[in-house]
Amino acid sequence: QLTANGNINVAAISPDGTMFAYTTEGSEMSGIWVAGVNGSQTIGILPPTATTFLGMTYSPDGSHIYYVARDENNQQGALFRIPSMGGLAERLLTNISRPVTFSPDGKQVAFVRKIGQQTTLVAANVEGKIVEREVASRPANLGFNENGAAWSPNGKKIAVGGKFEENGEIFVLLVDAESGNVEKFDDQGWTWVRR
C-alpha cells in the first residue's frame, strides 16, 4: 500500500519503479503529488485547482509527467507536461481526454480521439513543434475505445481496445504504427480493455 488516502483518482509509476505520482478526487480541487515507493516524503508538484485529471504517464526517461486534464480553459481536455519533481506545466495538445502512450524513443505519444462518429488513433511528436498525424480511424460504433493505448517496445505496433461488431465484445487490436493496418491480437473478447 503506497498511500493512506482513499481518494486516489489517477496514478502512474516512474519507469525505474522508484517513484509514483497521483491525483486525488472527492473535492472540486485536485493537484499532483509524487512520492517514493519506499515511503519517502510526498511532494506536491502541481497545486490543487479546479481540474479533472483523465490520465497520467511518465516520460520514458522519467524526467517529466504527462497528464491529461479538463478545466475551465480546456473543456475538451488537454495534454500537459510538467517536470517530474515540480516546475511549470506546459500545455502540448488540445482536444484530448485519455492517457497517452510513448513510442520507445520517447519522441512521440499516441492516444485515441473521438470526434463525432469517428474514433481516431493519433500520434504526435512531443519535441520541438508539435505535429499530429492520424494513424488509423474507425466508425465510433466499431471504433477504438478511449481508455488508452500501449506502444510496443519495437515501435512497430500500437495496442488498443476496440470492437469488430456493434454491441459486440472488445478485443485487443494491434495497429501498425506506420500503415494504420488494424488486426486482432487474438480471438479473446473482453468486456473492457484499458491501456
N, C-alpha and C. Protein backbone atom coordinates (compact mmCIF):
# COMPACT_ATOMS: atom_id res chain seq x y z
N GLN A 1 0.86 -1.19 0.00
CA GLN A 1 0.00 0.00 0.00
C GLN A 1 0.89 1.23 0.00
N LEU A 2 0.70 2.09 -1.01
CA LEU A 2 1.57 3.24 -1.18
C LEU A 2 1.04 4.51 -0.54
N THR A 3 -0.27 4.62 -0.37
CA THR A 3 -0.83 5.82 0.25
C THR A 3 -1.85 5.42 1.31
N ALA A 4 -2.16 6.38 2.20
CA ALA A 4 -3.22 6.18 3.19
C ALA A 4 -4.45 6.98 2.80
N ASN A 5 -4.41 7.60 1.62
CA ASN A 5 -5.50 8.43 1.13
C ASN A 5 -6.42 7.57 0.27
N GLY A 6 -7.70 7.49 0.63
CA GLY A 6 -8.63 6.65 -0.11
C GLY A 6 -9.25 7.34 -1.30
N ASN A 7 -8.75 8.52 -1.68
CA ASN A 7 -9.37 9.30 -2.75
C ASN A 7 -8.49 9.42 -3.98
N ILE A 8 -7.65 8.42 -4.23
CA ILE A 8 -6.76 8.49 -5.38
C ILE A 8 -7.57 8.33 -6.66
N ASN A 9 -7.29 9.17 -7.65
CA ASN A 9 -8.02 9.12 -8.91
C ASN A 9 -7.15 8.53 -10.01
N VAL A 10 -6.06 9.22 -10.36
CA VAL A 10 -5.18 8.81 -11.44
C VAL A 10 -3.78 8.64 -10.85
N ALA A 11 -3.07 7.61 -11.30
CA ALA A 11 -1.72 7.37 -10.77
C ALA A 11 -0.81 6.81 -11.85
N ALA A 12 0.49 6.94 -11.64
CA ALA A 12 1.49 6.40 -12.57
C ALA A 12 2.76 6.10 -11.79
N ILE A 13 3.50 5.08 -12.24
CA ILE A 13 4.78 4.71 -11.63
C ILE A 13 5.89 5.09 -12.59
N SER A 14 6.99 5.63 -12.04
CA SER A 14 8.11 6.05 -12.88
C SER A 14 8.73 4.82 -13.56
N PRO A 15 9.41 5.03 -14.72
CA PRO A 15 9.99 3.90 -15.45
C PRO A 15 10.97 3.05 -14.64
N ASP A 16 11.68 3.67 -13.71
CA ASP A 16 12.63 2.89 -12.91
C ASP A 16 11.99 2.26 -11.68
N GLY A 17 10.70 2.50 -11.49
CA GLY A 17 9.97 1.87 -10.40
C GLY A 17 10.20 2.45 -9.03
N THR A 18 10.91 3.57 -8.92
CA THR A 18 11.23 4.11 -7.59
C THR A 18 10.26 5.19 -7.13
N MET A 19 9.55 5.83 -8.05
CA MET A 19 8.65 6.94 -7.71
C MET A 19 7.25 6.66 -8.23
N PHE A 20 6.27 7.32 -7.64
CA PHE A 20 4.92 7.28 -8.19
C PHE A 20 4.29 8.65 -8.05
N ALA A 21 3.40 8.95 -8.98
CA ALA A 21 2.67 10.21 -8.98
C ALA A 21 1.19 9.90 -8.92
N TYR A 22 0.42 10.79 -8.29
CA TYR A 22 -1.01 10.53 -8.20
C TYR A 22 -1.79 11.83 -8.01
N THR A 23 -3.10 11.74 -8.28
CA THR A 23 -4.01 12.84 -8.02
C THR A 23 -5.10 12.33 -7.09
N THR A 24 -5.83 13.25 -6.50
CA THR A 24 -6.92 12.86 -5.61
C THR A 24 -8.25 13.32 -6.20
N GLU A 25 -9.34 12.73 -5.71
CA GLU A 25 -10.68 13.14 -6.13
C GLU A 25 -11.53 13.33 -4.88
N GLY A 26 -12.75 13.75 -5.06
CA GLY A 26 -13.64 13.92 -3.92
C GLY A 26 -13.85 15.36 -3.52
N SER A 27 -13.22 16.28 -4.22
CA SER A 27 -13.45 17.70 -3.98
C SER A 27 -13.32 18.42 -5.31
N GLU A 28 -13.62 19.69 -5.32
CA GLU A 28 -13.51 20.46 -6.56
C GLU A 28 -12.06 20.81 -6.88
N MET A 29 -11.16 20.60 -5.94
CA MET A 29 -9.76 20.94 -6.13
C MET A 29 -8.93 19.67 -6.22
N SER A 30 -8.01 19.63 -7.18
CA SER A 30 -7.16 18.46 -7.32
C SER A 30 -5.80 18.88 -7.84
N GLY A 31 -4.75 18.26 -7.33
CA GLY A 31 -3.39 18.55 -7.76
C GLY A 31 -2.64 17.26 -8.00
N ILE A 32 -1.33 17.38 -8.23
CA ILE A 32 -0.48 16.20 -8.45
C ILE A 32 0.58 16.13 -7.36
N TRP A 33 0.76 14.94 -6.82
CA TRP A 33 1.77 14.67 -5.82
C TRP A 33 2.68 13.55 -6.30
N VAL A 34 3.92 13.56 -5.85
CA VAL A 34 4.84 12.46 -6.12
C VAL A 34 5.46 11.99 -4.82
N ALA A 35 5.83 10.73 -4.78
CA ALA A 35 6.47 10.15 -3.60
C ALA A 35 7.29 8.95 -4.03
N GLY A 36 8.19 8.52 -3.17
CA GLY A 36 8.96 7.31 -3.43
C GLY A 36 8.18 6.08 -3.01
N VAL A 37 8.32 4.99 -3.74
CA VAL A 37 7.63 3.76 -3.38
C VAL A 37 8.17 3.19 -2.06
N ASN A 38 9.33 3.68 -1.63
CA ASN A 38 9.91 3.24 -0.36
C ASN A 38 9.34 4.00 0.82
N GLY A 39 8.36 4.88 0.58
CA GLY A 39 7.73 5.62 1.67
C GLY A 39 8.33 6.98 1.93
N SER A 40 9.18 7.46 1.04
CA SER A 40 9.78 8.78 1.24
C SER A 40 8.72 9.86 1.15
N GLN A 41 9.09 11.05 1.57
CA GLN A 41 8.16 12.17 1.70
C GLN A 41 7.39 12.47 0.41
N THR A 42 6.13 12.80 0.58
CA THR A 42 5.29 13.19 -0.55
C THR A 42 5.51 14.66 -0.86
N ILE A 43 5.64 14.97 -2.16
CA ILE A 43 5.87 16.34 -2.62
C ILE A 43 4.76 16.74 -3.56
N GLY A 44 4.17 17.89 -3.34
CA GLY A 44 3.17 18.42 -4.26
C GLY A 44 3.88 19.10 -5.42
N ILE A 45 3.62 18.65 -6.66
CA ILE A 45 4.29 19.28 -7.81
C ILE A 45 3.34 20.14 -8.64
N LEU A 46 2.04 19.99 -8.41
CA LEU A 46 1.07 20.85 -9.09
C LEU A 46 0.02 21.23 -8.06
N PRO A 47 -0.09 22.52 -7.72
CA PRO A 47 -1.03 22.95 -6.68
C PRO A 47 -2.46 22.58 -7.02
N PRO A 48 -3.28 22.29 -6.02
CA PRO A 48 -4.68 21.96 -6.27
C PRO A 48 -5.44 23.09 -6.96
N THR A 49 -6.18 22.72 -8.00
CA THR A 49 -7.02 23.67 -8.74
C THR A 49 -8.30 22.94 -9.13
N ALA A 50 -9.22 23.67 -9.74
CA ALA A 50 -10.48 23.07 -10.19
C ALA A 50 -10.22 22.33 -11.50
N THR A 51 -9.65 21.14 -11.39
CA THR A 51 -9.22 20.35 -12.54
C THR A 51 -9.68 18.92 -12.40
N THR A 52 -10.08 18.32 -13.51
CA THR A 52 -10.39 16.89 -13.55
C THR A 52 -9.27 16.20 -14.32
N PHE A 53 -8.55 15.31 -13.66
CA PHE A 53 -7.46 14.58 -14.31
C PHE A 53 -7.99 13.32 -14.97
N LEU A 54 -7.54 13.08 -16.21
CA LEU A 54 -8.07 11.99 -17.03
C LEU A 54 -7.02 10.94 -17.39
N GLY A 55 -5.77 11.22 -17.11
CA GLY A 55 -4.71 10.26 -17.42
C GLY A 55 -3.36 10.82 -17.02
N MET A 56 -2.42 9.93 -16.72
CA MET A 56 -1.08 10.36 -16.33
C MET A 56 -0.06 9.32 -16.76
N THR A 57 1.05 9.78 -17.32
CA THR A 57 2.09 8.88 -17.83
C THR A 57 3.45 9.54 -17.62
N TYR A 58 4.41 8.79 -17.07
CA TYR A 58 5.79 9.29 -17.01
C TYR A 58 6.42 9.19 -18.39
N SER A 59 7.29 10.14 -18.72
CA SER A 59 8.09 10.01 -19.93
C SER A 59 9.04 8.82 -19.76
N PRO A 60 9.49 8.20 -20.85
CA PRO A 60 10.36 7.01 -20.72
C PRO A 60 11.62 7.25 -19.90
N ASP A 61 12.15 8.47 -19.92
CA ASP A 61 13.36 8.74 -19.13
C ASP A 61 13.03 9.19 -17.71
N GLY A 62 11.74 9.30 -17.37
CA GLY A 62 11.33 9.67 -16.02
C GLY A 62 11.47 11.14 -15.68
N SER A 63 11.88 11.96 -16.64
CA SER A 63 12.13 13.37 -16.33
C SER A 63 10.87 14.22 -16.24
N HIS A 64 9.79 13.76 -16.90
CA HIS A 64 8.55 14.54 -16.92
C HIS A 64 7.34 13.64 -16.69
N ILE A 65 6.27 14.26 -16.25
CA ILE A 65 4.97 13.60 -16.15
C ILE A 65 4.07 14.28 -17.17
N TYR A 66 3.45 13.47 -18.00
CA TYR A 66 2.49 13.95 -18.99
C TYR A 66 1.10 13.62 -18.46
N TYR A 67 0.28 14.64 -18.30
CA TYR A 67 -1.05 14.39 -17.77
C TYR A 67 -2.11 15.01 -18.67
N VAL A 68 -3.25 14.34 -18.71
CA VAL A 68 -4.40 14.82 -19.47
C VAL A 68 -5.41 15.33 -18.47
N ALA A 69 -5.91 16.54 -18.70
CA ALA A 69 -6.81 17.16 -17.73
C ALA A 69 -7.85 18.02 -18.42
N ARG A 70 -8.94 18.23 -17.71
CA ARG A 70 -10.01 19.10 -18.18
C ARG A 70 -10.24 20.17 -17.11
N ASP A 71 -10.30 21.43 -17.55
CA ASP A 71 -10.61 22.52 -16.63
C ASP A 71 -11.39 23.59 -17.38
N GLU A 72 -11.60 24.72 -16.74
CA GLU A 72 -12.43 25.78 -17.33
C GLU A 72 -11.87 26.25 -18.67
N ASN A 73 -10.56 26.27 -18.81
CA ASN A 73 -9.93 26.74 -20.05
C ASN A 73 -9.72 25.64 -21.08
N ASN A 74 -9.90 24.40 -20.67
CA ASN A 74 -9.67 23.25 -21.57
C ASN A 74 -10.81 22.25 -21.38
N GLN A 75 -12.00 22.65 -21.80
CA GLN A 75 -13.18 21.85 -21.51
C GLN A 75 -13.25 20.55 -22.29
N GLN A 76 -12.53 20.45 -23.42
CA GLN A 76 -12.47 19.19 -24.16
C GLN A 76 -11.24 18.37 -23.81
N GLY A 77 -10.51 18.83 -22.83
CA GLY A 77 -9.32 18.12 -22.38
C GLY A 77 -8.06 18.58 -23.10
N ALA A 78 -6.92 18.48 -22.42
CA ALA A 78 -5.64 18.87 -22.99
C ALA A 78 -4.54 18.03 -22.38
N LEU A 79 -3.43 17.90 -23.11
CA LEU A 79 -2.25 17.19 -22.63
C LEU A 79 -1.24 18.21 -22.14
N PHE A 80 -0.76 18.01 -20.91
CA PHE A 80 0.23 18.89 -20.30
C PHE A 80 1.48 18.09 -19.95
N ARG A 81 2.59 18.80 -19.82
CA ARG A 81 3.86 18.20 -19.39
C ARG A 81 4.39 19.03 -18.23
N ILE A 82 4.87 18.34 -17.19
CA ILE A 82 5.46 19.02 -16.04
C ILE A 82 6.69 18.23 -15.60
N PRO A 83 7.77 18.91 -15.19
CA PRO A 83 8.93 18.16 -14.67
C PRO A 83 8.51 17.26 -13.51
N SER A 84 9.08 16.08 -13.44
CA SER A 84 8.61 15.07 -12.51
C SER A 84 8.82 15.43 -11.04
N MET A 85 9.69 16.40 -10.76
CA MET A 85 9.86 16.84 -9.37
C MET A 85 9.35 18.26 -9.17
N GLY A 86 8.54 18.74 -10.13
CA GLY A 86 7.91 20.05 -9.97
C GLY A 86 8.50 21.09 -10.91
N GLY A 87 7.69 22.08 -11.22
CA GLY A 87 8.09 23.14 -12.14
C GLY A 87 6.87 23.66 -12.86
N LEU A 88 7.08 24.33 -13.96
CA LEU A 88 5.98 24.90 -14.72
C LEU A 88 5.36 23.85 -15.63
N ALA A 89 4.03 23.80 -15.64
CA ALA A 89 3.32 22.91 -16.54
C ALA A 89 3.18 23.58 -17.89
N GLU A 90 3.31 22.77 -18.95
CA GLU A 90 3.24 23.28 -20.33
C GLU A 90 2.15 22.51 -21.07
N ARG A 91 1.22 23.24 -21.70
CA ARG A 91 0.17 22.58 -22.49
C ARG A 91 0.73 22.24 -23.86
N LEU A 92 0.53 20.97 -24.28
CA LEU A 92 1.07 20.49 -25.54
C LEU A 92 0.01 20.27 -26.61
N LEU A 93 -1.10 19.63 -26.24
CA LEU A 93 -2.15 19.27 -27.19
C LEU A 93 -3.51 19.58 -26.60
N THR A 94 -4.47 19.88 -27.47
CA THR A 94 -5.85 20.10 -27.03
C THR A 94 -6.76 19.03 -27.65
N ASN A 95 -8.00 19.00 -27.17
CA ASN A 95 -8.99 18.03 -27.62
C ASN A 95 -8.47 16.60 -27.42
N ILE A 96 -8.03 16.34 -26.22
CA ILE A 96 -7.56 15.01 -25.83
C ILE A 96 -8.09 14.73 -24.43
N SER A 97 -8.70 13.56 -24.25
CA SER A 97 -9.34 13.28 -22.97
C SER A 97 -8.96 11.91 -22.41
N ARG A 98 -7.89 11.32 -22.93
CA ARG A 98 -7.47 10.00 -22.46
C ARG A 98 -5.95 9.96 -22.29
N PRO A 99 -5.44 8.99 -21.52
CA PRO A 99 -3.98 8.93 -21.31
C PRO A 99 -3.23 8.62 -22.59
N VAL A 100 -1.95 9.01 -22.60
CA VAL A 100 -1.10 8.78 -23.76
C VAL A 100 -0.16 7.61 -23.50
N THR A 101 0.37 7.05 -24.59
CA THR A 101 1.43 6.05 -24.53
C THR A 101 2.61 6.57 -25.34
N PHE A 102 3.82 6.24 -24.93
CA PHE A 102 5.02 6.75 -25.59
C PHE A 102 5.59 5.74 -26.58
N SER A 103 6.13 6.27 -27.67
CA SER A 103 6.96 5.46 -28.56
C SER A 103 8.23 5.08 -27.80
N PRO A 104 8.89 4.00 -28.19
CA PRO A 104 10.08 3.56 -27.45
C PRO A 104 11.17 4.62 -27.32
N ASP A 105 11.31 5.49 -28.35
CA ASP A 105 12.35 6.52 -28.27
C ASP A 105 11.92 7.74 -27.47
N GLY A 106 10.67 7.76 -27.00
CA GLY A 106 10.18 8.87 -26.18
C GLY A 106 9.87 10.14 -26.94
N LYS A 107 9.93 10.10 -28.27
CA LYS A 107 9.73 11.31 -29.06
C LYS A 107 8.28 11.52 -29.50
N GLN A 108 7.45 10.47 -29.41
CA GLN A 108 6.06 10.58 -29.82
C GLN A 108 5.15 10.00 -28.75
N VAL A 109 3.90 10.48 -28.76
CA VAL A 109 2.85 9.87 -27.96
C VAL A 109 1.73 9.43 -28.89
N ALA A 110 0.93 8.48 -28.44
CA ALA A 110 -0.26 8.06 -29.18
C ALA A 110 -1.44 8.05 -28.23
N PHE A 111 -2.63 8.33 -28.77
CA PHE A 111 -3.84 8.38 -27.96
C PHE A 111 -5.04 8.25 -28.90
N VAL A 112 -6.21 7.96 -28.32
CA VAL A 112 -7.44 7.86 -29.09
C VAL A 112 -8.23 9.15 -28.92
N ARG A 113 -8.76 9.65 -30.02
CA ARG A 113 -9.58 10.86 -30.00
C ARG A 113 -10.91 10.54 -30.68
N LYS A 114 -11.99 10.90 -30.02
CA LYS A 114 -13.32 10.71 -30.62
C LYS A 114 -13.85 12.05 -31.08
N ILE A 115 -14.23 12.11 -32.36
CA ILE A 115 -14.84 13.31 -32.93
C ILE A 115 -16.06 12.86 -33.71
N GLY A 116 -17.24 13.29 -33.28
CA GLY A 116 -18.46 12.91 -33.97
C GLY A 116 -18.64 11.42 -34.00
N GLN A 117 -18.76 10.85 -35.20
CA GLN A 117 -18.99 9.43 -35.36
C GLN A 117 -17.72 8.64 -35.68
N GLN A 118 -16.55 9.23 -35.39
CA GLN A 118 -15.28 8.55 -35.66
C GLN A 118 -14.42 8.50 -34.41
N THR A 119 -13.68 7.41 -34.27
CA THR A 119 -12.61 7.35 -33.28
C THR A 119 -11.30 7.20 -34.04
N THR A 120 -10.32 7.98 -33.64
CA THR A 120 -9.06 8.01 -34.38
C THR A 120 -7.89 7.77 -33.43
N LEU A 121 -6.99 6.88 -33.83
CA LEU A 121 -5.73 6.71 -33.12
C LEU A 121 -4.77 7.74 -33.69
N VAL A 122 -4.29 8.62 -32.82
CA VAL A 122 -3.46 9.75 -33.24
C VAL A 122 -2.07 9.59 -32.65
N ALA A 123 -1.04 9.93 -33.43
CA ALA A 123 0.34 10.01 -32.93
C ALA A 123 0.78 11.46 -33.06
N ALA A 124 1.56 11.92 -32.10
CA ALA A 124 2.06 13.30 -32.14
C ALA A 124 3.45 13.34 -31.55
N ASN A 125 4.35 14.10 -32.19
CA ASN A 125 5.67 14.27 -31.60
C ASN A 125 5.56 15.22 -30.42
N VAL A 126 6.42 15.07 -29.44
CA VAL A 126 6.38 15.92 -28.24
C VAL A 126 7.69 16.68 -28.05
N GLU A 127 8.49 16.73 -29.08
CA GLU A 127 9.72 17.53 -29.06
C GLU A 127 9.65 18.54 -30.19
N GLY A 128 10.10 19.75 -29.93
CA GLY A 128 10.05 20.79 -30.96
C GLY A 128 8.62 21.17 -31.28
N LYS A 129 8.35 21.47 -32.54
CA LYS A 129 7.00 21.81 -32.96
C LYS A 129 6.11 20.58 -32.89
N ILE A 130 4.95 20.73 -32.23
CA ILE A 130 4.03 19.61 -32.07
C ILE A 130 3.27 19.38 -33.37
N VAL A 131 3.40 18.19 -33.93
CA VAL A 131 2.71 17.83 -35.16
C VAL A 131 1.96 16.53 -34.93
N GLU A 132 0.66 16.52 -35.23
CA GLU A 132 -0.16 15.33 -35.09
C GLU A 132 -0.31 14.63 -36.44
N ARG A 133 -0.53 13.30 -36.39
CA ARG A 133 -0.88 12.55 -37.60
C ARG A 133 -1.86 11.45 -37.22
N GLU A 134 -2.82 11.21 -38.11
CA GLU A 134 -3.76 10.11 -37.92
C GLU A 134 -3.07 8.80 -38.26
N VAL A 135 -3.11 7.85 -37.34
CA VAL A 135 -2.55 6.53 -37.60
C VAL A 135 -3.64 5.65 -38.21
N ALA A 136 -4.83 5.66 -37.63
CA ALA A 136 -5.97 4.87 -38.13
C ALA A 136 -7.24 5.48 -37.60
N SER A 137 -8.33 5.32 -38.36
CA SER A 137 -9.62 5.86 -37.95
C SER A 137 -10.70 4.81 -38.20
N ARG A 138 -11.70 4.76 -37.31
CA ARG A 138 -12.79 3.78 -37.41
C ARG A 138 -14.10 4.44 -36.99
N PRO A 139 -15.24 3.94 -37.50
CA PRO A 139 -16.53 4.46 -37.03
C PRO A 139 -16.66 4.25 -35.53
N ALA A 140 -17.31 5.19 -34.85
CA ALA A 140 -17.39 5.14 -33.39
C ALA A 140 -18.05 3.87 -32.88
N ASN A 141 -19.07 3.35 -33.59
CA ASN A 141 -19.76 2.14 -33.11
C ASN A 141 -18.89 0.89 -33.24
N LEU A 142 -17.85 0.95 -34.04
CA LEU A 142 -16.88 -0.15 -34.17
C LEU A 142 -15.48 0.33 -33.84
N GLY A 143 -15.42 1.41 -33.11
CA GLY A 143 -14.15 2.12 -33.00
C GLY A 143 -13.22 1.63 -31.91
N PHE A 144 -12.15 2.38 -31.79
CA PHE A 144 -11.18 2.16 -30.72
C PHE A 144 -11.82 2.66 -29.42
N ASN A 145 -11.59 1.94 -28.31
CA ASN A 145 -12.09 2.52 -27.07
C ASN A 145 -11.09 3.56 -26.57
N GLU A 146 -11.56 4.44 -25.72
CA GLU A 146 -10.79 5.63 -25.37
C GLU A 146 -10.03 5.50 -24.06
N ASN A 147 -9.77 4.27 -23.64
CA ASN A 147 -9.16 4.08 -22.32
C ASN A 147 -7.65 3.95 -22.36
N GLY A 148 -7.05 4.41 -23.43
CA GLY A 148 -5.60 4.40 -23.51
C GLY A 148 -5.08 3.28 -24.40
N ALA A 149 -3.89 3.46 -24.90
CA ALA A 149 -3.24 2.50 -25.78
C ALA A 149 -1.88 2.15 -25.21
N ALA A 150 -1.17 1.24 -25.88
CA ALA A 150 0.18 0.84 -25.46
C ALA A 150 1.04 0.62 -26.70
N TRP A 151 2.13 1.39 -26.81
CA TRP A 151 3.04 1.28 -27.95
C TRP A 151 4.00 0.13 -27.69
N SER A 152 4.20 -0.73 -28.68
CA SER A 152 5.07 -1.90 -28.49
C SER A 152 6.52 -1.47 -28.32
N PRO A 153 7.32 -2.28 -27.61
CA PRO A 153 8.73 -1.93 -27.38
C PRO A 153 9.54 -1.76 -28.66
N ASN A 154 9.17 -2.45 -29.76
CA ASN A 154 9.92 -2.28 -31.00
C ASN A 154 9.40 -1.12 -31.85
N GLY A 155 8.33 -0.46 -31.39
CA GLY A 155 7.82 0.73 -32.07
C GLY A 155 6.94 0.46 -33.27
N LYS A 156 6.73 -0.80 -33.62
CA LYS A 156 6.01 -1.11 -34.86
C LYS A 156 4.49 -1.17 -34.70
N LYS A 157 4.00 -1.50 -33.51
CA LYS A 157 2.56 -1.68 -33.30
C LYS A 157 2.10 -0.83 -32.12
N ILE A 158 0.82 -0.47 -32.16
CA ILE A 158 0.17 0.19 -31.03
C ILE A 158 -1.04 -0.66 -30.68
N ALA A 159 -1.09 -1.15 -29.44
CA ALA A 159 -2.21 -1.97 -28.99
C ALA A 159 -3.27 -1.07 -28.38
N VAL A 160 -4.54 -1.37 -28.72
CA VAL A 160 -5.66 -0.57 -28.21
C VAL A 160 -6.91 -1.43 -28.25
N GLY A 161 -7.82 -1.21 -27.33
CA GLY A 161 -9.07 -1.95 -27.33
C GLY A 161 -10.01 -1.45 -28.43
N GLY A 162 -10.84 -2.35 -28.97
CA GLY A 162 -11.81 -1.95 -29.98
C GLY A 162 -12.72 -3.09 -30.36
N LYS A 163 -13.78 -2.77 -31.09
CA LYS A 163 -14.78 -3.76 -31.49
C LYS A 163 -14.69 -4.08 -32.97
N PHE A 164 -15.23 -5.26 -33.32
CA PHE A 164 -15.37 -5.64 -34.72
C PHE A 164 -16.83 -5.75 -35.14
N GLU A 165 -17.73 -5.70 -34.15
CA GLU A 165 -19.15 -5.69 -34.47
C GLU A 165 -19.87 -4.84 -33.42
N GLU A 166 -20.94 -4.17 -33.86
CA GLU A 166 -21.69 -3.29 -32.97
C GLU A 166 -22.25 -4.09 -31.81
N ASN A 167 -22.14 -3.54 -30.59
CA ASN A 167 -22.61 -4.18 -29.36
C ASN A 167 -21.88 -5.49 -29.07
N GLY A 168 -20.78 -5.72 -29.74
CA GLY A 168 -20.02 -6.94 -29.51
C GLY A 168 -18.96 -6.75 -28.43
N GLU A 169 -18.16 -7.79 -28.26
CA GLU A 169 -17.09 -7.74 -27.27
C GLU A 169 -15.96 -6.82 -27.76
N ILE A 170 -15.15 -6.41 -26.81
CA ILE A 170 -13.98 -5.61 -27.12
C ILE A 170 -12.78 -6.55 -27.25
N PHE A 171 -11.97 -6.33 -28.27
CA PHE A 171 -10.76 -7.12 -28.48
C PHE A 171 -9.54 -6.24 -28.31
N VAL A 172 -8.40 -6.87 -28.07
CA VAL A 172 -7.13 -6.15 -28.14
C VAL A 172 -6.76 -6.08 -29.61
N LEU A 173 -6.66 -4.86 -30.13
CA LEU A 173 -6.31 -4.65 -31.53
C LEU A 173 -4.87 -4.20 -31.64
N LEU A 174 -4.21 -4.61 -32.70
CA LEU A 174 -2.85 -4.16 -33.00
C LEU A 174 -2.91 -3.29 -34.24
N VAL A 175 -2.45 -2.06 -34.10
CA VAL A 175 -2.46 -1.10 -35.21
C VAL A 175 -1.03 -0.88 -35.65
N ASP A 176 -0.76 -1.06 -36.94
CA ASP A 176 0.58 -0.78 -37.47
C ASP A 176 0.85 0.71 -37.35
N ALA A 177 1.93 1.09 -36.69
CA ALA A 177 2.20 2.49 -36.39
C ALA A 177 2.47 3.32 -37.63
N GLU A 178 2.83 2.68 -38.74
CA GLU A 178 3.10 3.42 -39.99
C GLU A 178 1.94 3.34 -40.96
N SER A 179 1.46 2.13 -41.25
CA SER A 179 0.43 1.97 -42.28
C SER A 179 -0.98 2.16 -41.74
N GLY A 180 -1.17 1.99 -40.43
CA GLY A 180 -2.51 2.09 -39.85
C GLY A 180 -3.33 0.82 -39.99
N ASN A 181 -2.76 -0.25 -40.53
CA ASN A 181 -3.48 -1.51 -40.67
C ASN A 181 -3.86 -2.04 -39.29
N VAL A 182 -5.12 -2.52 -39.16
CA VAL A 182 -5.63 -2.99 -37.87
C VAL A 182 -5.89 -4.49 -37.93
N GLU A 183 -5.42 -5.21 -36.91
CA GLU A 183 -5.67 -6.64 -36.80
C GLU A 183 -5.94 -6.99 -35.34
N LYS A 184 -6.62 -8.12 -35.11
CA LYS A 184 -6.83 -8.60 -33.76
C LYS A 184 -5.53 -9.18 -33.21
N PHE A 185 -5.29 -8.96 -31.92
CA PHE A 185 -4.16 -9.62 -31.26
C PHE A 185 -4.45 -11.11 -31.14
N ASP A 186 -5.68 -11.46 -30.72
CA ASP A 186 -6.15 -12.84 -30.69
C ASP A 186 -7.67 -12.81 -30.67
N ASP A 187 -8.30 -13.96 -30.48
CA ASP A 187 -9.76 -14.03 -30.53
C ASP A 187 -10.41 -13.92 -29.16
N GLN A 188 -9.65 -13.58 -28.15
CA GLN A 188 -10.22 -13.41 -26.81
C GLN A 188 -10.98 -12.09 -26.74
N GLY A 189 -12.28 -12.17 -26.41
CA GLY A 189 -13.08 -10.96 -26.25
C GLY A 189 -13.14 -10.56 -24.78
N TRP A 190 -13.29 -9.26 -24.56
CA TRP A 190 -13.31 -8.72 -23.20
C TRP A 190 -14.46 -7.73 -23.05
N THR A 191 -14.87 -7.52 -21.79
CA THR A 191 -15.87 -6.50 -21.51
C THR A 191 -15.23 -5.12 -21.55
N TRP A 192 -13.96 -5.03 -21.15
CA TRP A 192 -13.29 -3.74 -21.02
C TRP A 192 -11.80 -3.94 -21.26
N VAL A 193 -11.17 -3.02 -21.92
CA VAL A 193 -9.72 -3.06 -22.14
C VAL A 193 -9.16 -1.68 -21.84
N ARG A 194 -8.15 -1.61 -21.03
CA ARG A 194 -7.50 -0.33 -20.69
C ARG A 194 -6.01 -0.40 -21.00
N ARG A 195 -5.48 0.65 -21.56
CA ARG A 195 -4.05 0.90 -21.76
C ARG A 195 -3.30 -0.33 -22.22
